[in-house]
């Protein structure tokens, strides 16, 4: 789990984008965002929090084959931070 602290206006703008384009699963407080980067697909869990913080909780790496789909939970904080930075750069 990694986080970024944003300025108030950036946080509000990004939070609105999450509500519009993110996917909520049931009563979960986090949003799932699907990202495709260089023929790789990632599903990243994002949770907005107090004090203008955005947390990236986990990332699933999706491997698609002609016949099956495999999802692997990434435990690499560097990958998680990179995906969060890309998401913030695109959204803010």
PDB file of N, CA and C in Angstrom:
ATOM      1  N   UNK A   1       0.845  -1.166   0.000  1.00  0.00           N
ATOM      2  CA  UNK A   1       0.000   0.000   0.000  1.00  0.00           C
ATOM      3  C   UNK A   1       0.897   1.238   0.000  1.00  0.00           C
ATOM      4  N   UNK A   2       0.577   2.166  -0.887  1.00  0.00           N
ATOM      5  CA  UNK A   2       1.303   3.424  -0.986  1.00  0.00           C
ATOM      6  C   UNK A   2       0.280   4.560  -1.073  1.00  0.00           C
ATOM      7  N   UNK A   3       0.715   5.777  -0.792  1.00  0.00           N
ATOM      8  CA  UNK A   3      -0.207   6.903  -0.886  1.00  0.00           C
ATOM      9  C   UNK A   3       0.516   8.137  -1.405  1.00  0.00           C
ATOM     10  N   UNK A   4      -0.306   9.081  -1.849  1.00  0.00           N
ATOM     11  CA  UNK A   4       0.165  10.397  -2.259  1.00  0.00           C
ATOM     12  C   UNK A   4      -0.726  11.432  -1.583  1.00  0.00           C
ATOM     13  N   UNK A   5      -0.101  12.484  -1.109  1.00  0.00           N
ATOM     14  CA  UNK A   5      -0.828  13.600  -0.515  1.00  0.00           C
ATOM     15  C   UNK A   5      -0.999  14.655  -1.594  1.00  0.00           C
ATOM     16  N   UNK A   6      -2.234  15.109  -1.790  1.00  0.00           N
ATOM     17  CA  UNK A   6      -2.532  16.083  -2.839  1.00  0.00           C
ATOM     18  C   UNK A   6      -2.969  17.402  -2.230  1.00  0.00           C
ATOM     19  N   UNK A   7      -2.942  18.427  -3.038  1.00  0.00           N
ATOM     20  CA  UNK A   7      -3.522  19.700  -2.628  1.00  0.00           C
ATOM     21  C   UNK A   7      -5.037  19.566  -2.684  1.00  0.00           C
ATOM     22  N   UNK A   8      -5.729  20.450  -1.987  1.00  0.00           N
ATOM     23  CA  UNK A   8      -7.178  20.314  -1.848  1.00  0.00           C
ATOM     24  C   UNK A   8      -7.903  20.304  -3.193  1.00  0.00           C
ATOM     25  N   UNK A   9      -7.570  21.223  -4.079  1.00  0.00           N
ATOM     26  CA  UNK A   9      -8.253  21.278  -5.365  1.00  0.00           C
ATOM     27  C   UNK A   9      -7.923  20.063  -6.227  1.00  0.00           C
ATOM     28  N   UNK A  10      -6.683  19.549  -6.151  1.00  0.00           N
ATOM     29  CA  UNK A  10      -6.310  18.340  -6.899  1.00  0.00           C
ATOM     30  C   UNK A  10      -7.074  17.133  -6.359  1.00  0.00           C
ATOM     31  N   UNK A  11      -7.158  17.047  -5.039  1.00  0.00           N
ATOM     32  CA  UNK A  11      -7.872  15.937  -4.403  1.00  0.00           C
ATOM     33  C   UNK A  11      -9.347  15.944  -4.798  1.00  0.00           C
ATOM     34  N   UNK A  12      -9.988  17.102  -4.750  1.00  0.00           N
ATOM     35  CA  UNK A  12     -11.406  17.189  -5.104  1.00  0.00           C
ATOM     36  C   UNK A  12     -11.634  16.819  -6.569  1.00  0.00           C
ATOM     37  N   UNK A  13     -10.773  17.298  -7.444  1.00  0.00           N
ATOM     38  CA  UNK A  13     -10.901  16.978  -8.871  1.00  0.00           C
ATOM     39  C   UNK A  13     -10.700  15.482  -9.111  1.00  0.00           C
ATOM     40  N   UNK A  14      -9.668  14.917  -8.503  1.00  0.00           N
ATOM     41  CA  UNK A  14      -9.389  13.500  -8.692  1.00  0.00           C
ATOM     42  C   UNK A  14     -10.488  12.633  -8.084  1.00  0.00           C
ATOM     43  N   UNK A  15     -11.009  13.036  -6.941  1.00  0.00           N
ATOM     44  CA  UNK A  15     -12.090  12.295  -6.304  1.00  0.00           C
ATOM     45  C   UNK A  15     -13.339  12.281  -7.179  1.00  0.00           C
ATOM     46  N   UNK A  16     -13.643  13.408  -7.820  1.00  0.00           N
ATOM     47  CA  UNK A  16     -14.779  13.463  -8.751  1.00  0.00           C
ATOM     48  C   UNK A  16     -14.558  12.535  -9.941  1.00  0.00           C
ATOM     49  N   UNK A  17     -13.332  12.486 -10.447  1.00  0.00           N
ATOM     50  CA  UNK A  17     -13.024  11.572 -11.555  1.00  0.00           C
ATOM     51  C   UNK A  17     -13.179  10.116 -11.121  1.00  0.00           C
ATOM     52  N   UNK A  18     -12.765   9.804  -9.895  1.00  0.00           N
ATOM     53  CA  UNK A  18     -12.926   8.441  -9.389  1.00  0.00           C
ATOM     54  C   UNK A  18     -14.394   8.047  -9.312  1.00  0.00           C
ATOM     55  N   UNK A  19     -15.216   8.950  -8.838  1.00  0.00           N
ATOM     56  CA  UNK A  19     -16.648   8.663  -8.716  1.00  0.00           C
ATOM     57  C   UNK A  19     -17.266   8.437 -10.090  1.00  0.00           C
ATOM     58  N   UNK A  20     -16.834   9.222 -11.091  1.00  0.00           N
ATOM     59  CA  UNK A  20     -17.389   9.099 -12.434  1.00  0.00           C
ATOM     60  C   UNK A  20     -16.887   7.866 -13.179  1.00  0.00           C
ATOM     61  N   UNK A  21     -15.586   7.591 -13.094  1.00  0.00           N
ATOM     62  CA  UNK A  21     -15.017   6.544 -13.948  1.00  0.00           C
ATOM     63  C   UNK A  21     -14.604   5.287 -13.195  1.00  0.00           C
ATOM     64  N   UNK A  22     -14.564   5.342 -11.883  1.00  0.00           N
ATOM     65  CA  UNK A  22     -14.159   4.164 -11.103  1.00  0.00           C
ATOM     66  C   UNK A  22     -15.304   3.186 -10.932  1.00  0.00           C
ATOM     67  N   UNK A  23     -14.962   1.982 -10.535  1.00  0.00           N
ATOM     68  CA  UNK A  23     -15.951   0.931 -10.316  1.00  0.00           C
ATOM     69  C   UNK A  23     -15.889   0.527  -8.850  1.00  0.00           C
ATOM     70  N   UNK A  24     -17.047   0.556  -8.183  1.00  0.00           N
ATOM     71  CA  UNK A  24     -17.107   0.149  -6.780  1.00  0.00           C
ATOM     72  C   UNK A  24     -17.633  -1.278  -6.725  1.00  0.00           C
ATOM     73  N   UNK A  25     -17.054  -2.051  -5.817  1.00  0.00           N
ATOM     74  CA  UNK A  25     -17.481  -3.436  -5.647  1.00  0.00           C
ATOM     75  C   UNK A  25     -18.245  -3.570  -4.329  1.00  0.00           C
ATOM     76  N   UNK A  26     -19.556  -3.641  -4.428  1.00  0.00           N
ATOM     77  CA  UNK A  26     -20.374  -3.819  -3.234  1.00  0.00           C
ATOM     78  C   UNK A  26     -20.260  -2.657  -2.275  1.00  0.00           C
ATOM     79  N   UNK A  27     -20.025  -2.966  -1.019  1.00  0.00           N
ATOM     80  CA  UNK A  27     -19.899  -1.951   0.017  1.00  0.00           C
ATOM     81  C   UNK A  27     -18.455  -1.541   0.257  1.00  0.00           C
ATOM     82  N   UNK A  28     -17.592  -1.869  -0.654  1.00  0.00           N
ATOM     83  CA  UNK A  28     -16.178  -1.557  -0.539  1.00  0.00           C
ATOM     84  C   UNK A  28     -15.959  -0.046  -0.618  1.00  0.00           C
ATOM     85  N   UNK A  29     -15.036   0.477   0.188  1.00  0.00           N
ATOM     86  CA  UNK A  29     -14.758   1.918   0.196  1.00  0.00           C
ATOM     87  C   UNK A  29     -13.805   2.325  -0.916  1.00  0.00           C
ATOM     88  N   UNK A  30     -13.204   1.361  -1.582  1.00  0.00           N
ATOM     89  CA  UNK A  30     -12.227   1.675  -2.626  1.00  0.00           C
ATOM     90  C   UNK A  30     -12.855   1.572  -4.012  1.00  0.00           C
ATOM     91  N   UNK A  31     -12.147   2.129  -4.978  1.00  0.00           N
ATOM     92  CA  UNK A  31     -12.566   2.094  -6.373  1.00  0.00           C
ATOM     93  C   UNK A  31     -11.583   1.241  -7.156  1.00  0.00           C
ATOM     94  N   UNK A  32     -12.081   0.512  -8.144  1.00  0.00           N
ATOM     95  CA  UNK A  32     -11.227  -0.274  -9.037  1.00  0.00           C
ATOM     96  C   UNK A  32     -11.107   0.469 -10.362  1.00  0.00           C
ATOM     97  N   UNK A  33      -9.879   0.658 -10.790  1.00  0.00           N
ATOM     98  CA  UNK A  33      -9.595   1.333 -12.058  1.00  0.00           C
ATOM     99  C   UNK A  33      -8.791   0.370 -12.922  1.00  0.00           C
ATOM    100  N   UNK A  34      -9.220   0.178 -14.150  1.00  0.00           N
ATOM    101  CA  UNK A  34      -8.497  -0.667 -15.089  1.00  0.00           C
ATOM    102  C   UNK A  34      -7.610   0.213 -15.963  1.00  0.00           C
ATOM    103  N   UNK A  35      -6.336  -0.171 -16.046  1.00  0.00           N
ATOM    104  CA  UNK A  35      -5.369   0.579 -16.841  1.00  0.00           C
ATOM    105  C   UNK A  35      -4.696  -0.363 -17.828  1.00  0.00           C
ATOM    106  N   UNK A  36      -4.530   0.103 -19.062  1.00  0.00           N
ATOM    107  CA  UNK A  36      -3.785  -0.657 -20.063  1.00  0.00           C
ATOM    108  C   UNK A  36      -2.556   0.153 -20.439  1.00  0.00           C
ATOM    109  N   UNK A  37      -1.388  -0.456 -20.206  1.00  0.00           N
ATOM    110  CA  UNK A  37      -0.124   0.214 -20.484  1.00  0.00           C
ATOM    111  C   UNK A  37       0.772  -0.759 -21.242  1.00  0.00           C
ATOM    112  N   UNK A  38       1.156  -0.401 -22.468  1.00  0.00           N
ATOM    113  CA  UNK A  38       2.066  -1.214 -23.286  1.00  0.00           C
ATOM    114  C   UNK A  38       1.652  -2.680 -23.350  1.00  0.00           C
ATOM    115  N   UNK A  39       0.454  -2.931 -23.756  1.00  0.00           N
ATOM    116  CA  UNK A  39      -0.093  -4.286 -23.916  1.00  0.00           C
ATOM    117  C   UNK A  39      -0.207  -5.054 -22.607  1.00  0.00           C
ATOM    118  N   UNK A  40      -0.072  -4.386 -21.479  1.00  0.00           N
ATOM    119  CA  UNK A  40      -0.284  -5.009 -20.175  1.00  0.00           C
ATOM    120  C   UNK A  40      -1.519  -4.381 -19.549  1.00  0.00           C
ATOM    121  N   UNK A  41      -2.262  -5.178 -18.811  1.00  0.00           N
ATOM    122  CA  UNK A  41      -3.482  -4.684 -18.180  1.00  0.00           C
ATOM    123  C   UNK A  41      -3.344  -4.802 -16.671  1.00  0.00           C
ATOM    124  N   UNK A  42      -3.733  -3.736 -15.976  1.00  0.00           N
ATOM    125  CA  UNK A  42      -3.643  -3.687 -14.522  1.00  0.00           C
ATOM    126  C   UNK A  42      -4.988  -3.241 -13.961  1.00  0.00           C
ATOM    127  N   UNK A  43      -5.370  -3.815 -12.849  1.00  0.00           N
ATOM    128  CA  UNK A  43      -6.532  -3.364 -12.106  1.00  0.00           C
ATOM    129  C   UNK A  43      -6.004  -2.871 -10.765  1.00  0.00           C
ATOM    130  N   UNK A  44      -6.152  -1.574 -10.538  1.00  0.00           N
ATOM    131  CA  UNK A  44      -5.595  -0.967  -9.339  1.00  0.00           C
ATOM    132  C   UNK A  44      -6.736  -0.517  -8.432  1.00  0.00           C
ATOM    133  N   UNK A  45      -6.602  -0.804  -7.139  1.00  0.00           N
ATOM    134  CA  UNK A  45      -7.591  -0.413  -6.134  1.00  0.00           C
ATOM    135  C   UNK A  45      -7.143   0.910  -5.523  1.00  0.00           C
ATOM    136  N   UNK A  46      -7.990   1.925  -5.626  1.00  0.00           N
ATOM    137  CA  UNK A  46      -7.702   3.262  -5.141  1.00  0.00           C
ATOM    138  C   UNK A  46      -8.716   3.623  -4.060  1.00  0.00           C
ATOM    139  N   UNK A  47      -8.207   4.214  -2.968  1.00  0.00           N
ATOM    140  CA  UNK A  47      -9.106   4.645  -1.900  1.00  0.00           C
ATOM    141  C   UNK A  47      -8.762   6.073  -1.486  1.00  0.00           C
ATOM    142  N   UNK A  48      -9.716   6.995  -1.642  1.00  0.00           N
ATOM    143  CA  UNK A  48      -9.506   8.344  -1.133  1.00  0.00           C
ATOM    144  C   UNK A  48      -9.646   8.344   0.387  1.00  0.00           C
ATOM    145  N   UNK A  49      -8.884   9.207   1.065  1.00  0.00           N
ATOM    146  CA  UNK A  49      -8.913   9.241   2.531  1.00  0.00           C
ATOM    147  C   UNK A  49      -8.873  10.692   3.012  1.00  0.00           C
ATOM    148  N   UNK A  50      -8.876  10.848   4.313  1.00  0.00           N
ATOM    149  CA  UNK A  50      -8.823  12.175   4.917  1.00  0.00           C
ATOM    150  C   UNK A  50      -7.474  12.827   4.644  1.00  0.00           C
ATOM    151  N   UNK A  51      -7.431  14.122   4.895  1.00  0.00           N
ATOM    152  CA  UNK A  51      -6.224  14.931   4.722  1.00  0.00           C
ATOM    153  C   UNK A  51      -5.699  14.906   3.290  1.00  0.00           C
ATOM    154  N   UNK A  52      -6.616  14.781   2.330  1.00  0.00           N
ATOM    155  CA  UNK A  52      -6.303  14.859   0.899  1.00  0.00           C
ATOM    156  C   UNK A  52      -5.317  13.788   0.454  1.00  0.00           C
ATOM    157  N   UNK A  53      -5.473  12.589   0.966  1.00  0.00           N
ATOM    158  CA  UNK A  53      -4.600  11.481   0.589  1.00  0.00           C
ATOM    159  C   UNK A  53      -5.328  10.517  -0.330  1.00  0.00           C
ATOM    160  N   UNK A  54      -4.577   9.977  -1.272  1.00  0.00           N
ATOM    161  CA  UNK A  54      -5.069   8.939  -2.178  1.00  0.00           C
ATOM    162  C   UNK A  54      -4.200   7.712  -1.943  1.00  0.00           C
ATOM    163  N   UNK A  55      -4.821   6.608  -1.561  1.00  0.00           N
ATOM    164  CA  UNK A  55      -4.109   5.356  -1.303  1.00  0.00           C
ATOM    165  C   UNK A  55      -4.281   4.400  -2.474  1.00  0.00           C
ATOM    166  N   UNK A  56      -3.210   3.769  -2.868  1.00  0.00           N
ATOM    167  CA  UNK A  56      -3.256   2.652  -3.815  1.00  0.00           C
ATOM    168  C   UNK A  56      -3.081   1.397  -2.979  1.00  0.00           C
ATOM    169  N   UNK A  57      -4.130   0.598  -2.882  1.00  0.00           N
ATOM    170  CA  UNK A  57      -4.131  -0.541  -1.971  1.00  0.00           C
ATOM    171  C   UNK A  57      -3.475  -1.773  -2.567  1.00  0.00           C
ATOM    172  N   UNK A  58      -3.809  -2.071  -3.798  1.00  0.00           N
ATOM    173  CA  UNK A  58      -3.250  -3.260  -4.443  1.00  0.00           C
ATOM    174  C   UNK A  58      -3.386  -3.142  -5.948  1.00  0.00           C
ATOM    175  N   UNK A  59      -2.635  -3.951  -6.643  1.00  0.00           N
ATOM    176  CA  UNK A  59      -2.704  -3.987  -8.099  1.00  0.00           C
ATOM    177  C   UNK A  59      -2.746  -5.435  -8.559  1.00  0.00           C
ATOM    178  N   UNK A  60      -3.656  -5.711  -9.459  1.00  0.00           N
ATOM    179  CA  UNK A  60      -3.729  -7.017 -10.097  1.00  0.00           C
ATOM    180  C   UNK A  60      -3.159  -6.887 -11.500  1.00  0.00           C
ATOM    181  N   UNK A  61      -2.269  -7.785 -11.853  1.00  0.00           N
ATOM    182  CA  UNK A  61      -1.732  -7.838 -13.208  1.00  0.00           C
ATOM    183  C   UNK A  61      -2.548  -8.888 -13.947  1.00  0.00           C
ATOM    184  N   UNK A  62      -3.136  -8.497 -15.074  1.00  0.00           N
ATOM    185  CA  UNK A  62      -4.028  -9.385 -15.819  1.00  0.00           C
ATOM    186  C   UNK A  62      -3.287  -9.897 -17.045  1.00  0.00           C
ATOM    187  N   UNK A  63      -3.192 -11.211 -17.135  1.00  0.00           N
ATOM    188  CA  UNK A  63      -2.590 -11.865 -18.300  1.00  0.00           C
ATOM    189  C   UNK A  63      -3.716 -12.509 -19.098  1.00  0.00           C
ATOM    190  N   UNK A  64      -3.896 -12.068 -20.320  1.00  0.00           N
ATOM    191  CA  UNK A  64      -4.955 -12.620 -21.173  1.00  0.00           C
ATOM    192  C   UNK A  64      -4.332 -13.515 -22.232  1.00  0.00           C
ATOM    193  N   UNK A  65      -4.922 -14.677 -22.340  1.00  0.00           N
ATOM    194  CA  UNK A  65      -4.535 -15.631 -23.362  1.00  0.00           C
ATOM    195  C   UNK A  65      -5.730 -15.784 -24.291  1.00  0.00           C
ATOM    196  N   UNK A  66      -5.540 -16.531 -25.347  1.00  0.00           N
ATOM    197  CA  UNK A  66      -6.629 -16.758 -26.276  1.00  0.00           C
ATOM    198  C   UNK A  66      -7.792 -17.473 -25.597  1.00  0.00           C
ATOM    199  N   UNK A  67      -7.499 -18.312 -24.599  1.00  0.00           N
ATOM    200  CA  UNK A  67      -8.526 -19.152 -24.008  1.00  0.00           C
ATOM    201  C   UNK A  67      -8.789 -18.885 -22.525  1.00  0.00           C
ATOM    202  N   UNK A  68      -7.900 -18.177 -21.853  1.00  0.00           N
ATOM    203  CA  UNK A  68      -8.097 -17.987 -20.420  1.00  0.00           C
ATOM    204  C   UNK A  68      -7.525 -16.644 -19.959  1.00  0.00           C
ATOM    205  N   UNK A  69      -7.929 -16.267 -18.754  1.00  0.00           N
ATOM    206  CA  UNK A  69      -7.461 -15.039 -18.128  1.00  0.00           C
ATOM    207  C   UNK A  69      -6.859 -15.408 -16.777  1.00  0.00           C
ATOM    208  N   UNK A  70      -5.674 -14.888 -16.513  1.00  0.00           N
ATOM    209  CA  UNK A  70      -5.017 -15.136 -15.235  1.00  0.00           C
ATOM    210  C   UNK A  70      -4.736 -13.791 -14.573  1.00  0.00           C
ATOM    211  N   UNK A  71      -5.077 -13.692 -13.282  1.00  0.00           N
ATOM    212  CA  UNK A  71      -4.823 -12.472 -12.524  1.00  0.00           C
ATOM    213  C   UNK A  71      -3.839 -12.773 -11.412  1.00  0.00           C
ATOM    214  N   UNK A  72      -2.820 -11.931 -11.305  1.00  0.00           N
ATOM    215  CA  UNK A  72      -1.787 -12.122 -10.292  1.00  0.00           C
ATOM    216  C   UNK A  72      -1.722 -10.858  -9.440  1.00  0.00           C
ATOM    217  N   UNK A  73      -1.805 -11.032  -8.119  1.00  0.00           N
ATOM    218  CA  UNK A  73      -1.693  -9.911  -7.204  1.00  0.00           C
ATOM    219  C   UNK A  73      -0.236  -9.483  -7.106  1.00  0.00           C
ATOM    220  N   UNK A  74       0.029  -8.226  -7.405  1.00  0.00           N
ATOM    221  CA  UNK A  74       1.391  -7.716  -7.352  1.00  0.00           C
ATOM    222  C   UNK A  74       1.707  -7.228  -5.947  1.00  0.00           C
ATOM    223  N   UNK A  75       2.841  -7.636  -5.436  1.00  0.00           N
ATOM    224  CA  UNK A  75       3.283  -7.214  -4.109  1.00  0.00           C
ATOM    225  C   UNK A  75       4.403  -6.186  -4.191  1.00  0.00           C
ATOM    226  N   UNK A  76       4.655  -5.686  -5.378  1.00  0.00           N
ATOM    227  CA  UNK A  76       5.748  -4.763  -5.618  1.00  0.00           C
ATOM    228  C   UNK A  76       5.266  -3.326  -5.406  1.00  0.00           C
ATOM    229  N   UNK A  77       5.755  -2.672  -4.353  1.00  0.00           N
ATOM    230  CA  UNK A  77       5.342  -1.301  -4.071  1.00  0.00           C
ATOM    231  C   UNK A  77       5.813  -0.324  -5.139  1.00  0.00           C
ATOM    232  N   UNK A  78       6.917  -0.611  -5.798  1.00  0.00           N
ATOM    233  CA  UNK A  78       7.399   0.263  -6.865  1.00  0.00           C
ATOM    234  C   UNK A  78       6.407   0.282  -8.032  1.00  0.00           C
ATOM    235  N   UNK A  79       5.876  -0.876  -8.383  1.00  0.00           N
ATOM    236  CA  UNK A  79       4.867  -0.948  -9.443  1.00  0.00           C
ATOM    237  C   UNK A  79       3.606  -0.220  -9.014  1.00  0.00           C
ATOM    238  N   UNK A  80       3.193  -0.421  -7.785  1.00  0.00           N
ATOM    239  CA  UNK A  80       1.986   0.212  -7.265  1.00  0.00           C
ATOM    240  C   UNK A  80       2.128   1.735  -7.270  1.00  0.00           C
ATOM    241  N   UNK A  81       3.277   2.220  -6.842  1.00  0.00           N
ATOM    242  CA  UNK A  81       3.520   3.661  -6.831  1.00  0.00           C
ATOM    243  C   UNK A  81       3.568   4.220  -8.248  1.00  0.00           C
ATOM    244  N   UNK A  82       4.162   3.497  -9.161  1.00  0.00           N
ATOM    245  CA  UNK A  82       4.220   3.944 -10.556  1.00  0.00           C
ATOM    246  C   UNK A  82       2.828   4.036 -11.172  1.00  0.00           C
ATOM    247  N   UNK A  83       2.004   3.036 -10.924  1.00  0.00           N
ATOM    248  CA  UNK A  83       0.642   3.068 -11.454  1.00  0.00           C
ATOM    249  C   UNK A  83      -0.163   4.214 -10.846  1.00  0.00           C
ATOM    250  N   UNK A  84       0.020   4.452  -9.548  1.00  0.00           N
ATOM    251  CA  UNK A  84      -0.673   5.566  -8.900  1.00  0.00           C
ATOM    252  C   UNK A  84      -0.218   6.897  -9.483  1.00  0.00           C
ATOM    253  N   UNK A  85       1.072   7.055  -9.708  1.00  0.00           N
ATOM    254  CA  UNK A  85       1.582   8.296 -10.297  1.00  0.00           C
ATOM    255  C   UNK A  85       1.051   8.521 -11.701  1.00  0.00           C
ATOM    256  N   UNK A  86       0.974   7.469 -12.491  1.00  0.00           N
ATOM    257  CA  UNK A  86       0.420   7.586 -13.850  1.00  0.00           C
ATOM    258  C   UNK A  86      -1.043   7.995 -13.783  1.00  0.00           C
ATOM    259  N   UNK A  87      -1.774   7.364 -12.887  1.00  0.00           N
ATOM    260  CA  UNK A  87      -3.200   7.668 -12.724  1.00  0.00           C
ATOM    261  C   UNK A  87      -3.408   9.112 -12.275  1.00  0.00           C
ATOM    262  N   UNK A  88      -2.607   9.566 -11.330  1.00  0.00           N
ATOM    263  CA  UNK A  88      -2.703  10.941 -10.864  1.00  0.00           C
ATOM    264  C   UNK A  88      -2.300  11.930 -11.950  1.00  0.00           C
ATOM    265  N   UNK A  89      -1.272  11.604 -12.701  1.00  0.00           N
ATOM    266  CA  UNK A  89      -0.823  12.484 -13.774  1.00  0.00           C
ATOM    267  C   UNK A  89      -1.921  12.648 -14.833  1.00  0.00           C
ATOM    268  N   UNK A  90      -2.601  11.555 -15.153  1.00  0.00           N
ATOM    269  CA  UNK A  90      -3.663  11.618 -16.152  1.00  0.00           C
ATOM    270  C   UNK A  90      -4.906  12.329 -15.608  1.00  0.00           C
ATOM    271  N   UNK A  91      -5.181  12.137 -14.296  1.00  0.00           N
ATOM    272  CA  UNK A  91      -6.397  12.682 -13.729  1.00  0.00           C
ATOM    273  C   UNK A  91      -6.280  14.100 -13.226  1.00  0.00           C
ATOM    274  N   UNK A  92      -5.125  14.473 -12.738  1.00  0.00           N
ATOM    275  CA  UNK A  92      -4.962  15.799 -12.137  1.00  0.00           C
ATOM    276  C   UNK A  92      -4.192  16.677 -13.087  1.00  0.00           C
TER     277      UNK A  92
END
